[in-house]
């Protein structure tokens, strides 16, 4: 049962972090600044609208592709630092669960 909870935490954290990187502003527009550094253009509401033809630009444009790389990063981090990774991933997983429940209820 422990492995089930671990997978749920890592899956939800992957989904939440991918969503942040792909299209959300994040606290203090931190994810807008990250995307801008990679040449991604945003509209007036900070939503990404233009991606450069680079590896990172193409990666950030494709939610599915980005989620694979985020998942790999989280899995490698977990293999190297299991406790620390779970401590960092759990808030993202809880946030993801809350968003899913909110969308389901509305």
N, C-alpha and C. Protein backbone atom coordinates (compact mmCIF):
# COMPACT_ATOMS: atom_id res chain seq x y z
N UNK A 1 0.82 -1.20 0.00
CA UNK A 1 0.00 0.00 0.00
C UNK A 1 0.86 1.27 0.00
N UNK A 2 2.03 1.16 0.65
CA UNK A 2 2.94 2.30 0.69
C UNK A 2 3.36 2.72 -0.73
N UNK A 3 3.63 1.72 -1.59
CA UNK A 3 4.03 2.02 -2.96
C UNK A 3 2.92 2.73 -3.73
N UNK A 4 1.67 2.38 -3.46
CA UNK A 4 0.54 3.04 -4.11
C UNK A 4 0.52 4.53 -3.77
N UNK A 5 0.68 4.85 -2.49
CA UNK A 5 0.68 6.26 -2.08
C UNK A 5 1.87 7.02 -2.66
N UNK A 6 2.99 6.36 -2.72
CA UNK A 6 4.17 6.97 -3.33
C UNK A 6 3.90 7.33 -4.78
N UNK A 7 3.35 6.39 -5.54
CA UNK A 7 3.06 6.65 -6.95
C UNK A 7 2.04 7.77 -7.10
N UNK A 8 1.02 7.79 -6.26
CA UNK A 8 0.01 8.86 -6.33
C UNK A 8 0.66 10.21 -6.09
N UNK A 9 1.52 10.30 -5.09
CA UNK A 9 2.20 11.57 -4.80
C UNK A 9 3.07 11.99 -5.98
N UNK A 10 3.83 11.07 -6.52
CA UNK A 10 4.72 11.42 -7.63
C UNK A 10 3.95 11.77 -8.90
N UNK A 11 2.85 11.07 -9.16
CA UNK A 11 2.03 11.36 -10.34
C UNK A 11 1.39 12.75 -10.21
N UNK A 12 0.77 13.01 -9.08
CA UNK A 12 0.11 14.31 -8.89
C UNK A 12 1.13 15.46 -8.91
N UNK A 13 2.29 15.24 -8.31
CA UNK A 13 3.33 16.27 -8.32
C UNK A 13 3.83 16.52 -9.75
N UNK A 14 3.98 15.45 -10.53
CA UNK A 14 4.40 15.59 -11.93
C UNK A 14 3.37 16.40 -12.70
N UNK A 15 2.11 16.07 -12.52
CA UNK A 15 1.05 16.80 -13.21
C UNK A 15 1.06 18.28 -12.82
N UNK A 16 1.17 18.56 -11.53
CA UNK A 16 1.12 19.94 -11.05
C UNK A 16 2.31 20.75 -11.53
N UNK A 17 3.51 20.18 -11.43
CA UNK A 17 4.71 20.89 -11.87
C UNK A 17 4.71 21.10 -13.39
N UNK A 18 4.23 20.11 -14.13
CA UNK A 18 4.13 20.27 -15.58
C UNK A 18 3.18 21.40 -15.94
N UNK A 19 2.07 21.46 -15.23
CA UNK A 19 1.10 22.53 -15.47
C UNK A 19 1.71 23.90 -15.18
N UNK A 20 2.43 24.00 -14.08
CA UNK A 20 3.12 25.26 -13.76
C UNK A 20 4.07 25.65 -14.87
N UNK A 21 4.92 24.74 -15.26
CA UNK A 21 5.93 25.06 -16.27
C UNK A 21 5.33 25.35 -17.64
N UNK A 22 4.26 24.65 -17.97
CA UNK A 22 3.67 24.78 -19.30
C UNK A 22 2.89 26.09 -19.49
N UNK A 23 2.08 26.47 -18.51
CA UNK A 23 1.17 27.59 -18.81
C UNK A 23 0.80 28.48 -17.63
N UNK A 24 1.15 28.14 -16.41
CA UNK A 24 0.69 28.94 -15.28
C UNK A 24 1.69 30.02 -14.90
N UNK A 25 1.19 31.04 -14.22
CA UNK A 25 2.04 32.14 -13.79
C UNK A 25 2.89 31.76 -12.59
N UNK A 26 2.26 31.11 -11.63
CA UNK A 26 2.96 30.74 -10.41
C UNK A 26 3.09 31.92 -9.47
N UNK A 27 3.55 31.66 -8.26
CA UNK A 27 3.71 32.75 -7.29
C UNK A 27 4.75 33.75 -7.79
N UNK A 28 4.38 35.02 -7.72
CA UNK A 28 5.26 36.11 -8.16
C UNK A 28 5.70 35.96 -9.61
N UNK A 29 4.87 35.34 -10.44
CA UNK A 29 5.14 35.14 -11.87
C UNK A 29 6.45 34.38 -12.13
N UNK A 30 6.85 33.53 -11.21
CA UNK A 30 8.13 32.84 -11.34
C UNK A 30 8.17 31.96 -12.59
N UNK A 31 7.07 31.32 -12.95
CA UNK A 31 7.08 30.45 -14.12
C UNK A 31 7.01 31.25 -15.41
N UNK A 32 6.44 32.44 -15.37
CA UNK A 32 6.48 33.34 -16.53
C UNK A 32 7.93 33.73 -16.80
N UNK A 33 8.65 34.06 -15.74
CA UNK A 33 10.06 34.45 -15.89
C UNK A 33 10.91 33.29 -16.41
N UNK A 34 10.64 32.08 -15.92
CA UNK A 34 11.39 30.91 -16.41
C UNK A 34 11.14 30.71 -17.89
N UNK A 35 9.86 30.76 -18.30
CA UNK A 35 9.55 30.56 -19.73
C UNK A 35 10.15 31.68 -20.58
N UNK A 36 10.11 32.91 -20.08
CA UNK A 36 10.65 34.04 -20.82
C UNK A 36 12.15 33.86 -21.05
N UNK A 37 12.86 33.34 -20.08
CA UNK A 37 14.30 33.09 -20.25
C UNK A 37 14.60 32.14 -21.39
N UNK A 38 13.65 31.26 -21.68
CA UNK A 38 13.84 30.31 -22.77
C UNK A 38 13.25 30.83 -24.08
N UNK A 39 12.88 32.10 -24.12
CA UNK A 39 12.42 32.72 -25.36
C UNK A 39 10.94 32.57 -25.65
N UNK A 40 10.17 32.14 -24.68
CA UNK A 40 8.73 31.97 -24.87
C UNK A 40 8.05 33.32 -24.71
N UNK A 41 7.18 33.64 -25.64
CA UNK A 41 6.48 34.92 -25.67
C UNK A 41 5.13 34.74 -24.98
N UNK A 42 4.75 35.75 -24.18
CA UNK A 42 3.48 35.71 -23.45
C UNK A 42 2.57 36.85 -23.89
N UNK A 43 1.26 36.64 -23.75
CA UNK A 43 0.32 37.72 -24.04
C UNK A 43 0.21 38.63 -22.82
N UNK A 44 -0.73 39.58 -22.87
CA UNK A 44 -0.87 40.55 -21.78
C UNK A 44 -1.26 39.93 -20.45
N UNK A 45 -1.86 38.75 -20.50
CA UNK A 45 -2.25 38.07 -19.26
C UNK A 45 -1.23 37.01 -18.85
N UNK A 46 -0.05 37.07 -19.45
CA UNK A 46 1.07 36.17 -19.14
C UNK A 46 0.83 34.73 -19.57
N UNK A 47 -0.06 34.51 -20.54
CA UNK A 47 -0.26 33.17 -21.07
C UNK A 47 0.69 32.98 -22.24
N UNK A 48 1.40 31.85 -22.31
CA UNK A 48 2.34 31.65 -23.42
C UNK A 48 1.64 31.58 -24.77
N UNK A 49 2.17 32.32 -25.73
CA UNK A 49 1.57 32.34 -27.07
C UNK A 49 2.56 32.05 -28.18
N UNK A 50 3.85 32.12 -27.89
CA UNK A 50 4.85 31.87 -28.93
C UNK A 50 6.04 31.12 -28.37
N UNK A 51 6.46 30.09 -29.10
CA UNK A 51 7.56 29.25 -28.65
C UNK A 51 8.66 29.26 -29.69
N UNK A 52 9.92 29.42 -29.25
CA UNK A 52 11.02 29.36 -30.22
C UNK A 52 11.22 27.94 -30.72
N UNK A 53 11.80 27.81 -31.89
CA UNK A 53 12.06 26.48 -32.47
C UNK A 53 13.39 25.95 -31.92
N UNK A 54 13.37 25.67 -30.63
CA UNK A 54 14.52 25.08 -29.93
C UNK A 54 14.02 23.86 -29.18
N UNK A 55 14.94 23.07 -28.64
CA UNK A 55 14.53 21.89 -27.87
C UNK A 55 13.63 22.31 -26.72
N UNK A 56 14.06 23.30 -25.94
CA UNK A 56 13.28 23.74 -24.78
C UNK A 56 11.97 24.38 -25.23
N UNK A 57 12.00 25.18 -26.27
CA UNK A 57 10.78 25.80 -26.77
C UNK A 57 9.76 24.77 -27.21
N UNK A 58 10.21 23.78 -27.96
CA UNK A 58 9.31 22.71 -28.41
C UNK A 58 8.82 21.88 -27.23
N UNK A 59 9.70 21.65 -26.27
CA UNK A 59 9.33 20.89 -25.08
C UNK A 59 8.25 21.61 -24.28
N UNK A 60 8.43 22.90 -24.08
CA UNK A 60 7.47 23.69 -23.30
C UNK A 60 6.15 23.86 -24.03
N UNK A 61 6.15 23.78 -25.34
CA UNK A 61 4.92 23.93 -26.12
C UNK A 61 4.05 22.69 -26.03
N UNK A 62 4.65 21.54 -25.75
CA UNK A 62 3.92 20.27 -25.72
C UNK A 62 3.78 19.78 -24.28
N UNK A 63 2.56 19.88 -23.75
CA UNK A 63 2.31 19.47 -22.37
C UNK A 63 2.70 18.01 -22.15
N UNK A 64 2.35 17.16 -23.07
CA UNK A 64 2.63 15.72 -22.92
C UNK A 64 4.13 15.46 -22.91
N UNK A 65 4.86 16.10 -23.81
CA UNK A 65 6.32 15.93 -23.86
C UNK A 65 6.97 16.44 -22.57
N UNK A 66 6.53 17.61 -22.15
CA UNK A 66 7.08 18.21 -20.93
C UNK A 66 6.83 17.32 -19.72
N UNK A 67 5.66 16.68 -19.66
CA UNK A 67 5.35 15.84 -18.50
C UNK A 67 6.28 14.64 -18.41
N UNK A 68 6.72 14.13 -19.55
CA UNK A 68 7.67 13.00 -19.53
C UNK A 68 8.98 13.44 -18.88
N UNK A 69 9.48 14.61 -19.27
CA UNK A 69 10.74 15.09 -18.72
C UNK A 69 10.62 15.48 -17.25
N UNK A 70 9.51 16.07 -16.88
CA UNK A 70 9.28 16.38 -15.46
C UNK A 70 9.23 15.08 -14.66
N UNK A 71 8.54 14.08 -15.18
CA UNK A 71 8.45 12.78 -14.50
C UNK A 71 9.84 12.15 -14.35
N UNK A 72 10.65 12.22 -15.38
CA UNK A 72 12.01 11.67 -15.30
C UNK A 72 12.80 12.40 -14.22
N UNK A 73 12.69 13.72 -14.20
CA UNK A 73 13.40 14.51 -13.19
C UNK A 73 12.96 14.15 -11.77
N UNK A 74 11.66 14.03 -11.59
CA UNK A 74 11.14 13.68 -10.27
C UNK A 74 11.57 12.26 -9.88
N UNK A 75 11.54 11.34 -10.81
CA UNK A 75 11.92 9.95 -10.50
C UNK A 75 13.41 9.86 -10.15
N UNK A 76 14.26 10.54 -10.91
CA UNK A 76 15.70 10.54 -10.61
C UNK A 76 15.94 11.18 -9.24
N UNK A 77 15.26 12.30 -8.98
CA UNK A 77 15.40 12.95 -7.67
C UNK A 77 14.97 12.00 -6.56
N UNK A 78 13.89 11.26 -6.79
CA UNK A 78 13.43 10.31 -5.78
C UNK A 78 14.45 9.19 -5.56
N UNK A 79 15.04 8.69 -6.63
CA UNK A 79 16.03 7.62 -6.49
C UNK A 79 17.26 8.10 -5.72
N UNK A 80 17.65 9.37 -5.93
CA UNK A 80 18.82 9.91 -5.25
C UNK A 80 18.52 10.41 -3.84
N UNK A 81 17.37 11.06 -3.67
CA UNK A 81 17.01 11.67 -2.39
C UNK A 81 15.54 11.38 -2.07
N UNK A 82 15.21 10.16 -1.68
CA UNK A 82 13.80 9.78 -1.52
C UNK A 82 13.02 10.65 -0.53
N UNK A 83 13.56 10.87 0.64
CA UNK A 83 12.82 11.63 1.65
C UNK A 83 12.66 13.09 1.23
N UNK A 84 13.73 13.70 0.78
CA UNK A 84 13.67 15.10 0.35
C UNK A 84 12.73 15.32 -0.82
N UNK A 85 12.75 14.39 -1.76
CA UNK A 85 11.86 14.50 -2.92
C UNK A 85 10.40 14.41 -2.49
N UNK A 86 10.10 13.48 -1.59
CA UNK A 86 8.72 13.36 -1.10
C UNK A 86 8.29 14.61 -0.34
N UNK A 87 9.20 15.17 0.43
CA UNK A 87 8.88 16.40 1.17
C UNK A 87 8.56 17.53 0.19
N UNK A 88 9.34 17.63 -0.90
CA UNK A 88 9.09 18.69 -1.88
C UNK A 88 7.88 18.40 -2.77
N UNK A 89 7.63 17.13 -3.07
CA UNK A 89 6.54 16.77 -3.99
C UNK A 89 5.17 16.76 -3.31
N UNK A 90 5.12 16.48 -2.04
CA UNK A 90 3.83 16.34 -1.37
C UNK A 90 2.96 17.59 -1.47
N UNK A 91 3.48 18.80 -1.24
CA UNK A 91 2.59 19.97 -1.40
C UNK A 91 2.04 20.11 -2.82
N UNK A 92 2.85 19.79 -3.82
CA UNK A 92 2.36 19.85 -5.20
C UNK A 92 1.29 18.79 -5.44
N UNK A 93 1.48 17.62 -4.85
CA UNK A 93 0.48 16.56 -4.98
C UNK A 93 -0.83 16.94 -4.30
N UNK A 94 -0.73 17.52 -3.12
CA UNK A 94 -1.94 17.95 -2.41
C UNK A 94 -2.66 19.04 -3.20
N UNK A 95 -1.89 19.98 -3.74
CA UNK A 95 -2.47 21.04 -4.57
C UNK A 95 -3.16 20.44 -5.79
N UNK A 96 -2.50 19.48 -6.44
CA UNK A 96 -3.09 18.83 -7.60
C UNK A 96 -4.38 18.12 -7.25
N UNK A 97 -4.39 17.41 -6.13
CA UNK A 97 -5.61 16.74 -5.68
C UNK A 97 -6.73 17.72 -5.39
N UNK A 98 -6.38 18.84 -4.77
CA UNK A 98 -7.39 19.86 -4.48
C UNK A 98 -7.98 20.45 -5.76
N UNK A 99 -7.14 20.67 -6.75
CA UNK A 99 -7.61 21.22 -8.03
C UNK A 99 -8.53 20.21 -8.72
N UNK A 100 -8.14 18.95 -8.72
CA UNK A 100 -8.98 17.92 -9.33
C UNK A 100 -10.34 17.86 -8.65
N UNK A 101 -10.33 17.89 -7.32
CA UNK A 101 -11.62 17.86 -6.59
C UNK A 101 -12.44 19.09 -6.89
N UNK A 102 -11.82 20.26 -6.94
CA UNK A 102 -12.54 21.49 -7.22
C UNK A 102 -13.16 21.45 -8.61
N UNK A 103 -12.41 20.99 -9.59
CA UNK A 103 -12.94 20.90 -10.95
C UNK A 103 -14.07 19.90 -11.04
N UNK A 104 -13.99 18.83 -10.28
CA UNK A 104 -15.01 17.79 -10.27
C UNK A 104 -16.30 18.27 -9.63
N UNK A 105 -16.15 19.09 -8.58
CA UNK A 105 -17.32 19.58 -7.84
C UNK A 105 -18.04 20.67 -8.63
N UNK A 106 -17.29 21.54 -9.28
CA UNK A 106 -17.91 22.64 -10.03
C UNK A 106 -18.50 22.09 -11.26
